[in-house]
Amino acid sequence: MGRAVATRTTLPITNNVLLTTEQPSQLKLAATNLEITISCQVSAKVEEEGAITIPARLLTEFVNSLPSEQISMNLSPRTRTLELSCARYEARINGMDAEDFPPIPTISDGLTIKIEPEALRLAIGQVVFAAATEDSRPVLTGIHAEFGDSGLTLAAADGFRLAVHKLSLPQPVAEKIGIIIPARSLTELNRLLGDQEEPIEMTINQARSQVLFRLKNVEMVSQLIQGTFPNYNQLIPQSYVTRAVVALSDFLRATRSASIFARDGSGIIRLQIIPGDELSPGKMMVSARAEEVGDNLGEIDAMVEGEAAKIAFNSKYLTDVLAVIDEERVALETTSPSSPGMIRPVGTDNYIHIVMPMFVQW
């Protein structure tokens, strides 16, 4: 809940969490930062109905400090004070009127899709980090979600890299649709997925302005980003001159090792792909150098198809993508030192990642 609470806001009440009782046995909690709203229900014995908003951070930290025993809450409507008691601990927290809390959005109509949680968790993890973090182009701070006959395609790009993940859906969608979901919303949804086992219900309202994710005991509503996402399909290379297949663990280790030196060398990691011959396998050389610090070189075995190649990448971009792939082997496909490189897991065809190269002197 705490992550949906506003941190910087001109509306102080959005620093609070809304508590409302629903007879006979539900306590509902809701928080919003006006972009994301999260609400959940917990079992409770309700003796008298009421509602109040309480500072979220204070409530969370106090409750987390208590022993694992029953908590009693008593609201004094006149003073707007919430009394909490648990075992031998008690507290009084001053709240604000529930009527001043922003309305909790409800989505009752629109397009509803069911998604398997494990598939969605993997998809979000493989694309969300590639979204832009600066607001200069708002559409790039979101994830493009496209529903079609073949399932759901999630795509993210920040101008330097592009991540595309395709996942199948339990049932085909009633209509093709494309929306842009804030990356922050999907990051939060991924945290909520936790131990979710049942399919998630995702409902897009008719105005295409909000999306609702319904989990087992939690609902999250996110605003959607309005605008046109770039046509990323034209950025995906259709061919390659060199393809190197390497063990993911080897590639990641060599990349992390080189990143230590790349920190002081403009973040540049150089990759040199050398085809093998009849007697020896191909190899990939992973290196970085910083003028005032030193340099390093790692060598890993590679199955190389095509010509020898050289290409350089930003070390963070390379590490980011290798860290989210869960296959044992990964392929790097290149055309030239100045053309984008494509990284994809070997053994599955539902994920591609394209990284713009860095221009270096070899």
Protein backbone atom coordinates (compact mmCIF):
# COMPACT_ATOMS: atom_id res chain seq x y z
CA MET A 1 0.00 0.00 0.00
CA GLY A 2 2.74 2.42 0.97
CA ARG A 3 4.14 2.63 -2.54
CA ALA A 4 0.90 4.09 -3.89
CA VAL A 5 1.07 6.93 -1.39
CA ALA A 6 2.23 10.26 -2.80
CA THR A 7 5.70 11.39 -1.73
CA ARG A 8 5.74 14.89 -3.19
CA THR A 9 2.32 16.39 -3.47
CA THR A 10 0.35 19.62 -3.21
CA LEU A 11 -2.54 17.55 -1.83
CA PRO A 12 -1.45 16.53 1.69
CA ILE A 13 -4.25 14.00 2.16
CA THR A 14 -2.66 11.77 -0.50
CA ASN A 15 0.11 11.11 2.05
CA ASN A 16 -2.58 9.23 3.98
CA VAL A 17 -4.19 5.82 3.69
CA LEU A 18 -7.98 5.62 3.72
CA LEU A 19 -9.52 3.16 6.19
CA THR A 20 -13.19 2.24 5.77
CA THR A 21 -15.23 -0.52 7.36
CA GLU A 22 -17.70 -2.67 5.48
CA GLN A 23 -20.16 -4.69 7.55
CA PRO A 24 -19.96 -7.28 8.84
CA SER A 25 -16.37 -8.41 8.47
CA GLN A 26 -14.22 -6.27 6.19
CA LEU A 27 -11.72 -3.47 6.67
CA LYS A 28 -10.82 -1.76 3.40
CA LEU A 29 -7.56 0.16 2.94
CA ALA A 30 -6.85 2.44 -0.02
CA ALA A 31 -3.95 4.67 -1.05
CA THR A 32 -3.36 6.84 -4.08
CA ASN A 33 -0.78 9.16 -5.62
CA LEU A 34 -3.38 10.17 -8.25
CA GLU A 35 -1.61 8.03 -10.89
CA ILE A 36 -1.95 4.69 -9.09
CA THR A 37 -4.66 3.67 -6.62
CA ILE A 38 -4.29 0.47 -4.61
CA SER A 39 -7.03 -0.93 -2.41
CA CYS A 40 -7.21 -4.14 -0.44
CA GLN A 41 -9.55 -5.82 2.01
CA VAL A 42 -8.66 -7.62 5.22
CA SER A 43 -10.89 -9.65 7.48
CA ALA A 44 -12.03 -7.81 10.60
CA LYS A 45 -14.76 -7.92 13.22
CA VAL A 46 -16.66 -4.68 12.63
CA GLU A 47 -18.64 -3.47 15.64
CA GLU A 48 -19.47 -0.02 14.29
CA GLU A 49 -18.89 1.42 10.80
CA GLY A 50 -16.59 4.38 10.22
CA ALA A 51 -13.98 5.92 7.92
CA ILE A 52 -10.81 7.98 8.42
CA THR A 53 -7.54 8.76 6.65
CA ILE A 54 -4.28 8.27 8.56
CA PRO A 55 -0.66 9.17 7.67
CA ALA A 56 0.45 6.08 5.74
CA ARG A 57 4.08 6.02 6.79
CA LEU A 58 3.28 6.42 10.48
CA LEU A 59 0.61 3.71 10.40
CA THR A 60 2.80 1.28 8.44
CA GLU A 61 5.85 1.68 10.62
CA PHE A 62 3.89 1.41 13.87
CA VAL A 63 1.94 -1.69 12.80
CA ASN A 64 5.16 -3.34 11.55
CA SER A 65 6.69 -2.82 14.99
CA LEU A 66 3.87 -4.65 16.81
CA PRO A 67 3.79 -8.32 17.84
CA SER A 68 1.80 -10.75 15.68
CA GLU A 69 -1.39 -10.42 17.66
CA GLN A 70 -4.85 -8.97 17.10
CA ILE A 71 -5.06 -5.21 16.66
CA SER A 72 -8.07 -3.27 17.94
CA MET A 73 -8.98 0.08 16.38
CA ASN A 74 -11.36 2.64 17.75
CA LEU A 75 -12.20 5.87 15.93
CA SER A 76 -13.32 9.05 17.67
CA PRO A 77 -15.26 10.86 14.89
CA ARG A 78 -15.33 14.17 16.78
CA THR A 79 -11.56 14.48 17.18
CA ARG A 80 -10.71 12.35 14.10
CA THR A 81 -8.31 10.32 16.27
CA LEU A 82 -7.70 6.64 15.66
CA GLU A 83 -6.78 4.59 18.71
CA LEU A 84 -4.85 1.37 18.13
CA SER A 85 -4.08 -1.28 20.72
CA CYS A 86 -2.24 -4.56 20.40
CA ALA A 87 -1.13 -6.70 23.34
CA ARG A 88 0.49 -4.15 25.70
CA TYR A 89 1.04 -1.47 23.06
CA GLU A 90 -1.26 1.37 22.14
CA ALA A 91 -1.17 4.53 20.06
CA ARG A 92 -3.34 7.44 19.05
CA ILE A 93 -2.98 8.83 15.53
CA ASN A 94 -4.56 12.06 14.33
CA GLY A 95 -6.29 11.66 10.99
CA MET A 96 -8.07 13.70 8.34
CA ASP A 97 -11.68 13.48 7.21
CA ALA A 98 -12.35 10.57 4.85
CA GLU A 99 -14.66 12.75 2.74
CA ASP A 100 -11.66 14.84 1.67
CA PHE A 101 -9.85 11.80 0.23
CA PRO A 102 -9.78 11.62 -3.60
CA PRO A 103 -12.52 9.36 -4.97
CA ILE A 104 -11.41 5.73 -5.40
CA PRO A 105 -11.78 5.00 -9.13
CA THR A 106 -14.02 2.11 -10.10
CA ILE A 107 -14.05 0.38 -13.48
CA SER A 108 -17.14 -1.71 -14.05
CA ASP A 109 -17.28 -1.81 -17.85
CA GLY A 110 -14.78 -2.09 -20.65
CA LEU A 111 -12.55 -4.81 -22.07
CA THR A 112 -11.57 -7.53 -19.56
CA ILE A 113 -8.63 -9.87 -20.14
CA LYS A 114 -7.30 -12.69 -17.97
CA ILE A 115 -3.54 -13.21 -17.70
CA GLU A 116 -1.52 -15.95 -15.99
CA PRO A 117 0.48 -14.30 -13.16
CA GLU A 118 3.77 -16.14 -13.76
CA ALA A 119 3.80 -15.21 -17.45
CA LEU A 120 2.97 -11.59 -16.65
CA ARG A 121 5.61 -11.42 -13.93
CA LEU A 122 8.31 -12.58 -16.39
CA ALA A 123 7.08 -10.24 -19.13
CA ILE A 124 7.08 -7.17 -16.89
CA GLY A 125 10.52 -8.02 -15.53
CA GLN A 126 11.97 -8.28 -19.03
CA VAL A 127 10.67 -4.96 -20.36
CA VAL A 128 9.98 -2.45 -17.56
CA PHE A 129 13.63 -1.44 -16.99
CA ALA A 130 13.95 -0.31 -20.62
CA ALA A 131 11.35 2.46 -20.26
CA ALA A 132 12.54 6.07 -20.09
CA THR A 133 12.78 7.68 -16.66
CA GLU A 134 12.73 11.30 -17.87
CA ASP A 135 9.46 12.97 -18.81
CA SER A 136 10.72 14.72 -21.95
CA ARG A 137 8.73 12.19 -24.03
CA PRO A 138 5.95 10.97 -21.73
CA VAL A 139 4.92 8.01 -23.93
CA LEU A 140 8.41 6.50 -23.47
CA THR A 141 7.95 6.42 -19.68
CA GLY A 142 5.24 3.83 -20.28
CA ILE A 143 5.00 0.25 -21.49
CA HIS A 144 3.10 -0.29 -24.71
CA ALA A 145 0.65 -3.16 -24.24
CA GLU A 146 -0.86 -4.50 -27.45
CA PHE A 147 -3.59 -7.12 -27.35
CA GLY A 148 -4.11 -9.10 -30.53
CA ASP A 149 -4.87 -12.52 -31.99
CA SER A 150 -1.47 -13.86 -30.95
CA GLY A 151 -1.73 -12.69 -27.34
CA LEU A 152 -0.23 -9.74 -25.49
CA THR A 153 2.92 -7.89 -26.55
CA LEU A 154 4.67 -5.61 -24.05
CA ALA A 155 7.27 -3.17 -25.38
CA ALA A 156 9.44 -0.50 -23.76
CA ALA A 157 12.00 1.87 -25.25
CA ASP A 158 14.00 4.83 -23.99
CA GLY A 159 15.70 5.90 -27.24
CA PHE A 160 18.79 3.77 -26.60
CA ARG A 161 17.27 0.32 -26.20
CA LEU A 162 14.09 -1.58 -26.97
CA ALA A 163 12.64 -4.58 -25.12
CA VAL A 164 9.76 -6.62 -26.58
CA HIS A 165 8.10 -9.59 -24.85
CA LYS A 166 5.20 -11.60 -26.27
CA LEU A 167 3.02 -13.77 -24.06
CA SER A 168 0.01 -15.90 -24.82
CA LEU A 169 -3.35 -15.37 -23.13
CA PRO A 170 -5.66 -18.05 -21.70
CA GLN A 171 -8.43 -16.76 -23.97
CA PRO A 172 -8.33 -14.60 -27.14
CA VAL A 173 -9.33 -10.96 -26.72
CA ALA A 174 -12.62 -9.67 -28.04
CA GLU A 175 -10.97 -6.79 -29.89
CA LYS A 176 -7.48 -5.66 -30.79
CA ILE A 177 -6.33 -2.77 -28.64
CA GLY A 178 -3.14 -0.91 -27.73
CA ILE A 179 -2.59 1.11 -24.54
CA ILE A 180 0.37 2.71 -22.75
CA ILE A 181 0.69 1.79 -19.06
CA PRO A 182 3.09 3.84 -16.87
CA ALA A 183 6.23 1.81 -16.14
CA ARG A 184 5.89 2.76 -12.46
CA SER A 185 2.47 1.11 -12.39
CA LEU A 186 3.73 -2.16 -13.81
CA THR A 187 6.70 -2.13 -11.43
CA GLU A 188 4.25 -1.85 -8.55
CA LEU A 189 1.99 -4.53 -10.03
CA ASN A 190 4.98 -6.88 -10.20
CA ARG A 191 5.50 -6.44 -6.45
CA LEU A 192 1.85 -7.20 -5.80
CA LEU A 193 1.94 -10.38 -7.92
CA GLY A 194 4.08 -12.04 -5.24
CA ASP A 195 2.33 -15.30 -4.44
CA GLN A 196 -0.62 -14.79 -6.79
CA GLU A 197 -1.62 -18.10 -8.40
CA GLU A 198 -5.02 -17.42 -9.96
CA PRO A 199 -5.21 -15.55 -13.28
CA ILE A 200 -5.21 -11.75 -12.99
CA GLU A 201 -8.20 -9.85 -14.33
CA MET A 202 -7.21 -6.77 -16.29
CA THR A 203 -9.99 -4.37 -17.29
CA ILE A 204 -9.50 -1.37 -19.58
CA ASN A 205 -12.25 1.21 -19.29
CA GLN A 206 -14.21 2.29 -22.35
CA ALA A 207 -12.57 5.73 -22.40
CA ARG A 208 -9.12 4.04 -22.58
CA SER A 209 -7.97 6.29 -19.74
CA GLN A 210 -7.62 3.79 -16.88
CA VAL A 211 -6.78 0.14 -16.34
CA LEU A 212 -7.79 -2.04 -13.40
CA PHE A 213 -5.77 -5.06 -12.23
CA ARG A 214 -7.76 -7.35 -9.96
CA LEU A 215 -5.72 -9.79 -7.84
CA LYS A 216 -6.78 -12.16 -5.08
CA ASN A 217 -7.26 -9.57 -2.31
CA VAL A 218 -5.96 -6.44 -3.99
CA GLU A 219 -7.15 -4.09 -6.72
CA MET A 220 -4.90 -1.59 -8.48
CA VAL A 221 -6.14 1.12 -10.82
CA SER A 222 -3.65 3.02 -12.96
CA GLN A 223 -4.07 6.02 -15.20
CA LEU A 224 -3.02 5.35 -18.80
CA ILE A 225 -0.62 7.54 -20.78
CA GLN A 226 -2.24 9.25 -23.73
CA GLY A 227 -0.29 9.53 -26.96
CA THR A 228 1.17 7.45 -29.77
CA PHE A 229 3.92 4.96 -29.01
CA PRO A 230 6.68 4.81 -31.64
CA ASN A 231 6.40 2.12 -34.31
CA TYR A 232 9.12 -0.02 -32.80
CA ASN A 233 8.75 -2.87 -35.32
CA GLN A 234 10.74 -0.87 -37.85
CA LEU A 235 13.66 -0.76 -35.40
CA ILE A 236 13.94 -4.56 -35.19
CA PRO A 237 16.73 -5.84 -37.49
CA GLN A 238 15.49 -8.42 -39.98
CA SER A 239 18.91 -9.98 -40.64
CA TYR A 240 22.41 -10.20 -39.22
CA VAL A 241 25.99 -10.64 -40.40
CA THR A 242 27.28 -12.26 -37.20
CA ARG A 243 25.52 -14.38 -34.59
CA ALA A 244 27.26 -15.55 -31.43
CA VAL A 245 25.64 -17.96 -28.97
CA VAL A 246 27.19 -18.02 -25.50
CA ALA A 247 26.38 -19.33 -22.05
CA LEU A 248 24.38 -16.67 -20.22
CA SER A 249 26.27 -17.16 -16.96
CA ASP A 250 29.64 -16.70 -18.71
CA PHE A 251 28.47 -13.60 -20.59
CA LEU A 252 27.00 -12.03 -17.46
CA ARG A 253 30.12 -12.72 -15.40
CA ALA A 254 32.40 -11.26 -18.08
CA THR A 255 30.14 -8.22 -18.46
CA ARG A 256 30.04 -7.53 -14.73
CA SER A 257 33.80 -7.88 -14.52
CA ALA A 258 34.30 -5.43 -17.39
CA SER A 259 31.74 -3.03 -15.87
CA ILE A 260 34.12 -2.40 -12.96
CA PHE A 261 36.59 -0.84 -15.38
CA ALA A 262 33.89 0.66 -17.62
CA ARG A 263 32.75 2.86 -14.72
CA ASP A 264 35.80 5.06 -15.28
CA GLY A 265 35.77 4.65 -19.05
CA SER A 266 32.49 6.28 -20.12
CA GLY A 267 30.62 3.05 -19.32
CA ILE A 268 31.85 1.38 -22.51
CA ILE A 269 32.19 -2.39 -22.88
CA ARG A 270 33.77 -3.71 -26.08
CA LEU A 271 32.76 -7.05 -27.54
CA GLN A 272 34.90 -8.81 -30.14
CA ILE A 273 33.46 -11.92 -31.77
CA ILE A 274 35.92 -14.34 -33.37
CA PRO A 275 34.68 -17.35 -35.39
CA GLY A 276 36.19 -20.74 -34.67
CA ASP A 277 37.70 -23.29 -37.02
CA GLU A 278 37.64 -27.04 -37.32
CA LEU A 279 39.89 -27.50 -34.30
CA SER A 280 38.69 -24.81 -31.91
CA PRO A 281 35.36 -23.17 -30.99
CA GLY A 282 34.67 -19.52 -31.58
CA LYS A 283 35.08 -17.02 -28.81
CA MET A 284 33.88 -13.65 -27.58
CA MET A 285 36.29 -11.18 -26.02
CA VAL A 286 34.68 -8.85 -23.45
CA SER A 287 36.82 -5.86 -22.47
CA ALA A 288 36.80 -2.40 -20.97
CA ARG A 289 39.44 0.21 -20.36
CA ALA A 290 39.76 3.47 -18.49
CA GLU A 291 42.76 5.63 -19.32
CA GLU A 292 43.69 6.51 -15.74
CA VAL A 293 42.71 3.23 -14.08
CA GLY A 294 43.58 0.32 -16.34
CA ASP A 295 41.84 -2.28 -18.45
CA ASN A 296 40.52 -5.83 -18.38
CA LEU A 297 39.79 -8.63 -20.82
CA GLY A 298 37.53 -11.66 -20.45
CA GLU A 299 37.26 -14.50 -22.94
CA ILE A 300 34.26 -16.83 -23.27
CA ASP A 301 33.46 -19.69 -25.65
CA ALA A 302 30.97 -18.89 -28.40
CA MET A 303 29.25 -20.69 -31.25
CA VAL A 304 29.77 -18.14 -34.02
CA GLU A 305 27.81 -18.00 -37.25
CA GLY A 306 29.00 -15.59 -39.91
CA GLU A 307 31.89 -13.15 -39.89
CA ALA A 308 34.15 -11.76 -37.18
CA ALA A 309 32.61 -8.69 -35.55
CA LYS A 310 33.27 -5.83 -33.16
CA ILE A 311 30.68 -3.80 -31.28
CA ALA A 312 30.58 -1.70 -28.10
CA PHE A 313 27.69 -1.18 -25.68
CA ASN A 314 26.89 0.81 -22.57
CA SER A 315 27.77 -1.50 -19.68
CA LYS A 316 24.53 -0.80 -17.79
CA TYR A 317 22.35 -1.60 -20.78
CA LEU A 318 24.19 -4.86 -21.36
CA THR A 319 24.06 -5.91 -17.70
CA ASP A 320 20.37 -4.96 -17.40
CA VAL A 321 19.21 -7.26 -20.18
CA LEU A 322 21.46 -10.21 -19.31
CA ALA A 323 20.21 -10.08 -15.71
CA VAL A 324 16.55 -10.68 -16.71
CA ILE A 325 17.02 -13.55 -19.17
CA ASP A 326 16.30 -16.95 -17.63
CA GLU A 327 17.50 -19.30 -20.37
CA GLU A 328 20.91 -20.96 -20.15
CA ARG A 329 22.18 -19.58 -23.46
CA VAL A 330 21.82 -16.23 -25.15
CA ALA A 331 22.44 -15.05 -28.72
CA LEU A 332 23.96 -11.75 -29.82
CA GLU A 333 23.21 -10.77 -33.42
CA THR A 334 25.08 -7.89 -35.07
CA THR A 335 25.37 -6.30 -38.50
CA SER A 336 28.11 -3.70 -38.04
CA PRO A 337 29.82 -1.72 -35.23
CA SER A 338 27.43 1.18 -35.91
CA SER A 339 24.19 -0.83 -36.17
CA PRO A 340 21.99 -1.91 -33.25
CA GLY A 341 22.79 -5.27 -31.66
CA MET A 342 20.03 -7.73 -30.86
CA ILE A 343 20.11 -10.00 -27.81
CA ARG A 344 17.68 -12.87 -27.43
CA PRO A 345 17.42 -15.99 -25.27
CA VAL A 346 18.12 -19.29 -27.04
CA GLY A 347 15.33 -21.81 -26.61
CA THR A 348 12.41 -19.40 -26.66
CA ASP A 349 11.29 -16.87 -29.25
CA ASN A 350 9.10 -14.61 -27.13
CA TYR A 351 11.70 -11.99 -26.15
CA ILE A 352 14.06 -9.70 -28.02
CA HIS A 353 16.18 -6.83 -26.77
CA ILE A 354 17.83 -4.28 -29.06
CA VAL A 355 20.63 -2.01 -27.87
CA MET A 356 22.14 0.94 -29.75
CA PRO A 357 25.93 0.65 -30.03
CA MET A 358 28.48 3.11 -28.69
CA PHE A 359 31.03 4.56 -31.11
CA VAL A 360 34.60 3.85 -30.05
CA GLN A 361 38.11 3.76 -31.44
CA TRP A 362 39.21 0.16 -31.82
